[in-house]
């Protein structure tokens, strides 16, 4: 454990660096703690030896290491109280009786992304719990129609699609085929069942079978992935540490890949958990703060992704507030 003065210095450096993104020198610490520069430099050197601080090549100041952030989170950080404005904005969302849970989640995470300039992610209830009840189509004109998907839980999704030079009769044959063979299948398995059970035989019934099959396949693929919502991805561009094009492209690629998100963001623990740098599976240049939520009907994960230089105390409080209101 650190001495009281070392703890104070480490906390000051981390809080200052979070705000400024610039290495912190001894002068600022001297003013805050009212002690000599020699004392502060010695203590900073000790913290560096312990692996809690790092010296940059471009400045005599120090920046926190991953180990330093971890010590701060585990021993020094206290959750920050929500200010009145933030709380009011979030309460308006959760008190709106017209919004379904998924909408509350999306709106609240969008708000948090705007407040913090970080990226918010919601992994909704698993599609495995929704089974296909029926699929139907409503023609709009000769080329466009609405595809309606209904699940056994009463959830209804619709999608406008375009099918040129395909008769309504052929489309209805495809709908009947899907309803005959795939009803009762969990939504997240429908795409593979289409691939292995419908694709081999659809040509017997439908002339333009390739175009029709691809359209319905995409409808189900979109529906099953709709429980993943990434908000504020471009906020990464606002963080000064992400100024490398290759690194930005790499992180964006991961955030655009549903499989990466499911594998690397899904949380099994009910606490608010903080994964700093190499501790998280998404990318070692970021911090991921996330938690699992439970409601009567579903469970999922909410997560905030940002730089290691993240406002940990504020994000933890915001996630706790959202989790508490979701689970009411």
Protein backbone atom coordinates (compact mmCIF):
# COMPACT_ATOMS: atom_id res chain seq x y z
CA UNK A 1 0.00 0.00 0.00
CA UNK A 2 1.06 3.57 -0.60
CA UNK A 3 1.68 6.21 2.02
CA UNK A 4 -1.00 8.88 2.41
CA UNK A 5 1.10 11.44 0.54
CA UNK A 6 1.87 9.03 -2.30
CA UNK A 7 -1.84 8.27 -2.59
CA UNK A 8 -2.63 11.98 -2.72
CA UNK A 9 -0.02 12.57 -5.42
CA UNK A 10 -1.15 9.62 -7.52
CA UNK A 11 -4.79 10.70 -7.27
CA UNK A 12 -3.92 14.29 -8.21
CA UNK A 13 -1.89 13.21 -11.21
CA UNK A 14 -4.63 10.87 -12.46
CA UNK A 15 -7.48 13.35 -12.03
CA UNK A 16 -5.46 16.11 -13.69
CA UNK A 17 -4.36 13.87 -16.56
CA UNK A 18 -7.95 12.70 -17.14
CA UNK A 19 -9.00 16.33 -17.59
CA UNK A 20 -6.03 17.69 -19.54
CA UNK A 21 -4.52 14.69 -21.39
CA UNK A 22 -1.12 16.30 -20.70
CA UNK A 23 1.73 14.94 -18.55
CA UNK A 24 1.59 16.32 -15.01
CA UNK A 25 4.64 18.06 -13.55
CA UNK A 26 5.73 18.56 -9.94
CA UNK A 27 4.78 22.26 -9.88
CA UNK A 28 1.06 21.56 -9.90
CA UNK A 29 1.44 18.97 -7.11
CA UNK A 30 3.48 21.39 -5.00
CA UNK A 31 0.75 24.01 -5.21
CA UNK A 32 -1.99 21.55 -4.32
CA UNK A 33 -0.20 19.86 -1.42
CA UNK A 34 1.88 22.82 -0.29
CA UNK A 35 5.16 20.93 -0.12
CA UNK A 36 8.60 21.34 -1.69
CA UNK A 37 9.36 20.39 -5.28
CA UNK A 38 12.16 18.09 -4.10
CA UNK A 39 9.73 16.12 -1.92
CA UNK A 40 7.22 15.82 -4.74
CA UNK A 41 9.86 14.74 -7.27
CA UNK A 42 11.11 12.04 -4.87
CA UNK A 43 7.59 10.73 -4.33
CA UNK A 44 6.88 10.78 -8.07
CA UNK A 45 10.10 8.85 -8.66
CA UNK A 46 8.98 6.27 -6.07
CA UNK A 47 5.58 5.94 -7.77
CA UNK A 48 7.37 5.45 -11.07
CA UNK A 49 9.54 2.70 -9.56
CA UNK A 50 6.38 1.00 -8.32
CA UNK A 51 5.04 1.02 -11.90
CA UNK A 52 2.15 3.37 -11.10
CA UNK A 53 3.45 6.31 -13.14
CA UNK A 54 5.30 6.59 -16.42
CA UNK A 55 7.56 9.29 -17.80
CA UNK A 56 6.93 10.44 -21.35
CA UNK A 57 9.67 11.21 -23.85
CA UNK A 58 8.29 14.65 -24.62
CA UNK A 59 7.90 16.07 -21.12
CA UNK A 60 9.39 15.96 -17.65
CA UNK A 61 5.90 15.29 -16.30
CA UNK A 62 4.37 11.91 -15.51
CA UNK A 63 1.31 10.05 -16.78
CA UNK A 64 -0.53 7.18 -15.11
CA UNK A 65 0.27 3.62 -16.14
CA UNK A 66 -2.37 0.90 -16.44
CA UNK A 67 -1.24 -0.30 -13.02
CA UNK A 68 -1.68 3.26 -11.72
CA UNK A 69 -5.24 3.48 -13.04
CA UNK A 70 -6.00 0.11 -11.47
CA UNK A 71 -4.69 1.23 -8.09
CA UNK A 72 -6.74 4.42 -8.38
CA UNK A 73 -9.93 2.50 -9.24
CA UNK A 74 -9.44 -0.08 -6.48
CA UNK A 75 -8.23 2.16 -3.65
CA UNK A 76 -8.63 5.88 -4.31
CA UNK A 77 -11.69 6.49 -6.49
CA UNK A 78 -15.08 7.39 -5.05
CA UNK A 79 -18.17 7.34 -7.31
CA UNK A 80 -19.10 10.85 -8.35
CA UNK A 81 -22.57 12.12 -7.49
CA UNK A 82 -24.79 12.85 -10.47
CA UNK A 83 -25.36 16.54 -10.91
CA UNK A 84 -28.96 17.74 -11.07
CA UNK A 85 -28.95 18.36 -14.82
CA UNK A 86 -27.63 14.89 -15.71
CA UNK A 87 -30.08 13.19 -13.36
CA UNK A 88 -33.04 15.17 -14.71
CA UNK A 89 -32.21 14.28 -18.33
CA UNK A 90 -31.99 10.59 -17.48
CA UNK A 91 -35.12 10.62 -15.33
CA UNK A 92 -37.12 12.12 -18.20
CA UNK A 93 -36.22 9.08 -20.29
CA UNK A 94 -37.03 6.47 -17.64
CA UNK A 95 -40.26 8.23 -16.56
CA UNK A 96 -41.60 8.23 -20.12
CA UNK A 97 -44.26 5.52 -20.05
CA UNK A 98 -44.47 5.53 -23.86
CA UNK A 99 -40.94 4.12 -24.21
CA UNK A 100 -40.26 0.38 -24.20
CA UNK A 101 -37.23 -0.95 -22.32
CA UNK A 102 -35.11 -1.19 -25.47
CA UNK A 103 -35.91 2.45 -26.30
CA UNK A 104 -35.08 3.57 -22.74
CA UNK A 105 -31.75 1.80 -22.98
CA UNK A 106 -30.92 3.28 -26.38
CA UNK A 107 -31.95 6.81 -25.40
CA UNK A 108 -30.14 6.76 -22.05
CA UNK A 109 -26.93 5.39 -23.56
CA UNK A 110 -27.11 7.96 -26.35
CA UNK A 111 -27.43 10.64 -23.69
CA UNK A 112 -24.45 9.28 -21.74
CA UNK A 113 -22.40 9.16 -24.92
CA UNK A 114 -23.20 12.83 -25.52
CA UNK A 115 -22.41 13.74 -21.89
CA UNK A 116 -19.07 11.96 -21.72
CA UNK A 117 -17.77 11.85 -25.32
CA UNK A 118 -17.31 8.09 -24.95
CA UNK A 119 -18.86 5.21 -26.89
CA UNK A 120 -21.89 3.42 -25.40
CA UNK A 121 -22.91 -0.14 -26.22
CA UNK A 122 -26.10 -2.04 -25.42
CA UNK A 123 -26.33 -5.79 -25.94
CA UNK A 124 -30.04 -6.47 -25.53
CA UNK A 125 -31.76 -9.64 -24.46
CA UNK A 126 -30.55 -12.63 -26.41
CA UNK A 127 -32.49 -13.35 -29.59
CA UNK A 128 -32.52 -17.01 -28.60
CA UNK A 129 -35.42 -16.18 -26.28
CA UNK A 130 -37.53 -14.98 -29.25
CA UNK A 131 -38.91 -17.66 -31.56
CA UNK A 132 -40.39 -16.99 -34.97
CA UNK A 133 -44.20 -17.09 -34.87
CA UNK A 134 -44.89 -15.98 -38.43
CA UNK A 135 -43.66 -13.87 -41.33
CA UNK A 136 -45.91 -11.92 -43.66
CA UNK A 137 -45.64 -9.37 -46.48
CA UNK A 138 -47.67 -6.33 -47.47
CA UNK A 139 -47.16 -5.01 -51.02
CA UNK A 140 -46.63 -1.23 -51.37
CA UNK A 141 -46.31 -1.18 -55.18
CA UNK A 142 -44.97 -3.45 -57.90
CA UNK A 143 -41.36 -3.28 -56.64
CA UNK A 144 -41.62 -2.59 -52.89
CA UNK A 145 -43.14 -4.38 -49.94
CA UNK A 146 -43.10 -4.48 -46.16
CA UNK A 147 -41.86 -7.70 -44.54
CA UNK A 148 -43.39 -8.27 -41.09
CA UNK A 149 -41.73 -10.63 -38.60
CA UNK A 150 -43.65 -11.67 -35.47
CA UNK A 151 -42.14 -13.60 -32.53
CA UNK A 152 -43.81 -15.78 -29.92
CA UNK A 153 -43.26 -13.06 -27.31
CA UNK A 154 -45.40 -10.64 -29.32
CA UNK A 155 -42.45 -8.65 -30.66
CA UNK A 156 -43.11 -7.28 -34.16
CA UNK A 157 -40.50 -6.00 -36.58
CA UNK A 158 -41.06 -4.67 -40.07
CA UNK A 159 -38.68 -3.82 -42.88
CA UNK A 160 -39.23 -2.26 -46.26
CA UNK A 161 -37.56 -4.21 -49.08
CA UNK A 162 -37.30 -3.84 -52.83
CA UNK A 163 -37.77 -6.81 -55.17
CA UNK A 164 -37.85 -5.82 -58.83
CA UNK A 165 -39.28 -8.12 -61.50
CA UNK A 166 -40.51 -10.66 -58.96
CA UNK A 167 -44.21 -11.52 -58.84
CA UNK A 168 -46.19 -11.28 -55.61
CA UNK A 169 -47.15 -14.92 -56.08
CA UNK A 170 -43.49 -16.01 -55.93
CA UNK A 171 -42.89 -13.88 -52.84
CA UNK A 172 -45.91 -15.44 -51.12
CA UNK A 173 -44.65 -18.93 -51.99
CA UNK A 174 -41.40 -18.05 -50.19
CA UNK A 175 -43.31 -16.73 -47.17
CA UNK A 176 -45.38 -19.95 -47.02
CA UNK A 177 -42.23 -22.05 -47.27
CA UNK A 178 -40.61 -20.16 -44.36
CA UNK A 179 -43.77 -20.37 -42.25
CA UNK A 180 -44.09 -24.11 -42.93
CA UNK A 181 -40.48 -25.01 -42.14
CA UNK A 182 -39.03 -22.40 -39.78
CA UNK A 183 -41.82 -21.25 -37.43
CA UNK A 184 -40.79 -22.01 -33.83
CA UNK A 185 -37.07 -21.47 -34.54
CA UNK A 186 -35.17 -19.05 -32.24
CA UNK A 187 -34.57 -15.81 -34.14
CA UNK A 188 -30.79 -16.08 -33.82
CA UNK A 189 -30.92 -19.50 -35.55
CA UNK A 190 -33.22 -18.54 -38.41
CA UNK A 191 -30.43 -17.39 -40.75
CA UNK A 192 -28.59 -20.72 -40.49
CA UNK A 193 -31.86 -22.65 -40.89
CA UNK A 194 -32.63 -20.64 -44.03
CA UNK A 195 -29.17 -21.53 -45.31
CA UNK A 196 -29.48 -25.28 -44.72
CA UNK A 197 -33.21 -25.98 -45.08
CA UNK A 198 -34.72 -23.34 -47.37
CA UNK A 199 -31.89 -22.50 -49.77
CA UNK A 200 -31.48 -26.09 -51.11
CA UNK A 201 -35.18 -26.41 -52.03
CA UNK A 202 -36.46 -22.89 -52.79
CA UNK A 203 -35.53 -23.26 -56.47
CA UNK A 204 -38.25 -25.91 -56.87
CA UNK A 205 -40.95 -23.38 -56.01
CA UNK A 206 -39.67 -19.93 -56.95
CA UNK A 207 -38.22 -18.78 -60.28
CA UNK A 208 -36.25 -15.79 -59.07
CA UNK A 209 -35.27 -17.78 -56.02
CA UNK A 210 -31.77 -16.35 -55.52
CA UNK A 211 -32.95 -12.73 -55.30
CA UNK A 212 -35.92 -13.60 -53.09
CA UNK A 213 -33.87 -15.83 -50.81
CA UNK A 214 -31.14 -13.19 -50.33
CA UNK A 215 -33.74 -10.56 -49.45
CA UNK A 216 -35.39 -12.66 -46.74
CA UNK A 217 -32.04 -13.85 -45.43
CA UNK A 218 -30.97 -10.22 -44.95
CA UNK A 219 -34.25 -9.35 -43.20
CA UNK A 220 -33.66 -12.03 -40.57
CA UNK A 221 -29.99 -11.20 -40.24
CA UNK A 222 -30.86 -7.54 -39.56
CA UNK A 223 -33.54 -8.53 -37.07
CA UNK A 224 -31.33 -10.91 -35.08
CA UNK A 225 -28.51 -8.34 -34.83
CA UNK A 226 -30.83 -5.52 -33.80
CA UNK A 227 -30.20 -6.26 -30.13
CA UNK A 228 -26.72 -4.72 -30.51
CA UNK A 229 -26.60 -0.94 -30.43
CA UNK A 230 -23.32 1.01 -30.61
CA UNK A 231 -23.75 4.74 -29.91
CA UNK A 232 -21.18 7.51 -30.27
CA UNK A 233 -18.50 5.54 -32.08
CA UNK A 234 -17.14 8.76 -33.60
CA UNK A 235 -16.45 10.10 -30.10
CA UNK A 236 -13.21 8.11 -30.28
CA UNK A 237 -12.00 10.69 -32.79
CA UNK A 238 -12.37 13.40 -30.13
CA UNK A 239 -9.85 11.74 -27.81
CA UNK A 240 -6.29 13.09 -28.33
CA UNK A 241 -4.64 9.72 -27.63
CA UNK A 242 -6.35 8.20 -30.67
CA UNK A 243 -4.50 10.13 -33.37
CA UNK A 244 -3.13 7.12 -35.23
CA UNK A 245 -5.20 6.28 -38.33
CA UNK A 246 -4.38 2.57 -38.15
CA UNK A 247 -5.41 2.38 -34.50
CA UNK A 248 -8.68 4.23 -35.17
CA UNK A 249 -9.43 1.95 -38.12
CA UNK A 250 -8.74 -1.09 -35.94
CA UNK A 251 -11.05 0.03 -33.11
CA UNK A 252 -13.80 1.09 -35.55
CA UNK A 253 -13.57 -2.32 -37.23
CA UNK A 254 -14.14 -4.05 -33.90
CA UNK A 255 -17.07 -1.79 -33.02
CA UNK A 256 -18.64 -2.49 -36.43
CA UNK A 257 -18.33 -6.26 -36.00
CA UNK A 258 -21.26 -7.77 -34.08
CA UNK A 259 -19.37 -10.99 -33.41
CA UNK A 260 -16.45 -9.04 -31.89
CA UNK A 261 -18.86 -7.09 -29.67
CA UNK A 262 -20.73 -10.19 -28.50
CA UNK A 263 -17.49 -12.05 -27.74
CA UNK A 264 -15.64 -9.13 -26.14
CA UNK A 265 -18.30 -6.95 -24.51
CA UNK A 266 -20.82 -9.43 -23.09
CA UNK A 267 -20.67 -9.30 -19.28
CA UNK A 268 -21.60 -12.22 -17.00
CA UNK A 269 -21.09 -10.36 -13.73
CA UNK A 270 -23.80 -8.23 -12.11
CA UNK A 271 -21.39 -5.66 -10.65
CA UNK A 272 -20.10 -2.56 -12.43
CA UNK A 273 -16.80 -3.91 -13.75
CA UNK A 274 -13.84 -1.91 -15.03
CA UNK A 275 -11.41 -3.40 -17.55
CA UNK A 276 -8.39 -1.19 -18.19
CA UNK A 277 -6.17 -1.60 -21.25
CA UNK A 278 -4.88 -5.16 -21.49
CA UNK A 279 -7.52 -6.32 -18.99
CA UNK A 280 -10.26 -6.06 -21.62
CA UNK A 281 -10.70 -8.27 -24.68
CA UNK A 282 -11.79 -5.52 -27.06
CA UNK A 283 -8.60 -3.45 -27.43
CA UNK A 284 -5.65 -2.81 -25.12
CA UNK A 285 -5.71 0.94 -25.89
CA UNK A 286 -9.15 1.45 -24.32
CA UNK A 287 -10.99 1.00 -21.04
CA UNK A 288 -14.33 -0.83 -20.97
CA UNK A 289 -16.72 -0.29 -18.05
CA UNK A 290 -19.71 -2.60 -18.18
CA UNK A 291 -22.37 -4.46 -16.26
CA UNK A 292 -25.02 -7.09 -16.76
CA UNK A 293 -28.66 -6.07 -16.31
CA UNK A 294 -31.70 -8.20 -15.53
CA UNK A 295 -35.40 -7.50 -16.03
CA UNK A 296 -38.46 -9.69 -15.79
CA UNK A 297 -38.27 -10.55 -19.48
CA UNK A 298 -34.64 -10.26 -20.52
CA UNK A 299 -31.03 -9.70 -19.62
CA UNK A 300 -28.16 -8.05 -21.42
CA UNK A 301 -25.03 -5.90 -21.11
CA UNK A 302 -24.52 -2.15 -21.03
CA UNK A 303 -20.99 -0.85 -21.56
CA UNK A 304 -19.02 2.36 -21.97
CA UNK A 305 -15.83 2.34 -24.06
CA UNK A 306 -13.32 5.17 -23.86
CA UNK A 307 -9.64 5.96 -23.43
CA UNK A 308 -7.73 4.65 -20.41
CA UNK A 309 -7.80 8.31 -19.40
CA UNK A 310 -11.50 7.93 -18.59
CA UNK A 311 -13.64 9.70 -15.98
CA UNK A 312 -14.02 6.47 -14.04
CA UNK A 313 -15.91 7.97 -11.11
CA UNK A 314 -18.52 9.62 -13.31
CA UNK A 315 -19.04 6.66 -15.67
CA UNK A 316 -19.50 4.21 -12.78
CA UNK A 317 -22.21 6.44 -11.28
CA UNK A 318 -23.99 6.85 -14.62
CA UNK A 319 -24.00 3.09 -15.26
CA UNK A 320 -25.26 2.40 -11.74
CA UNK A 321 -28.11 4.86 -12.27
CA UNK A 322 -29.13 3.26 -15.58
CA UNK A 323 -28.87 -0.30 -14.23
CA UNK A 324 -30.97 0.60 -11.19
CA UNK A 325 -33.70 2.19 -13.33
CA UNK A 326 -33.74 -0.66 -15.88
CA UNK A 327 -34.20 -3.24 -13.14
CA UNK A 328 -36.97 -1.39 -11.28
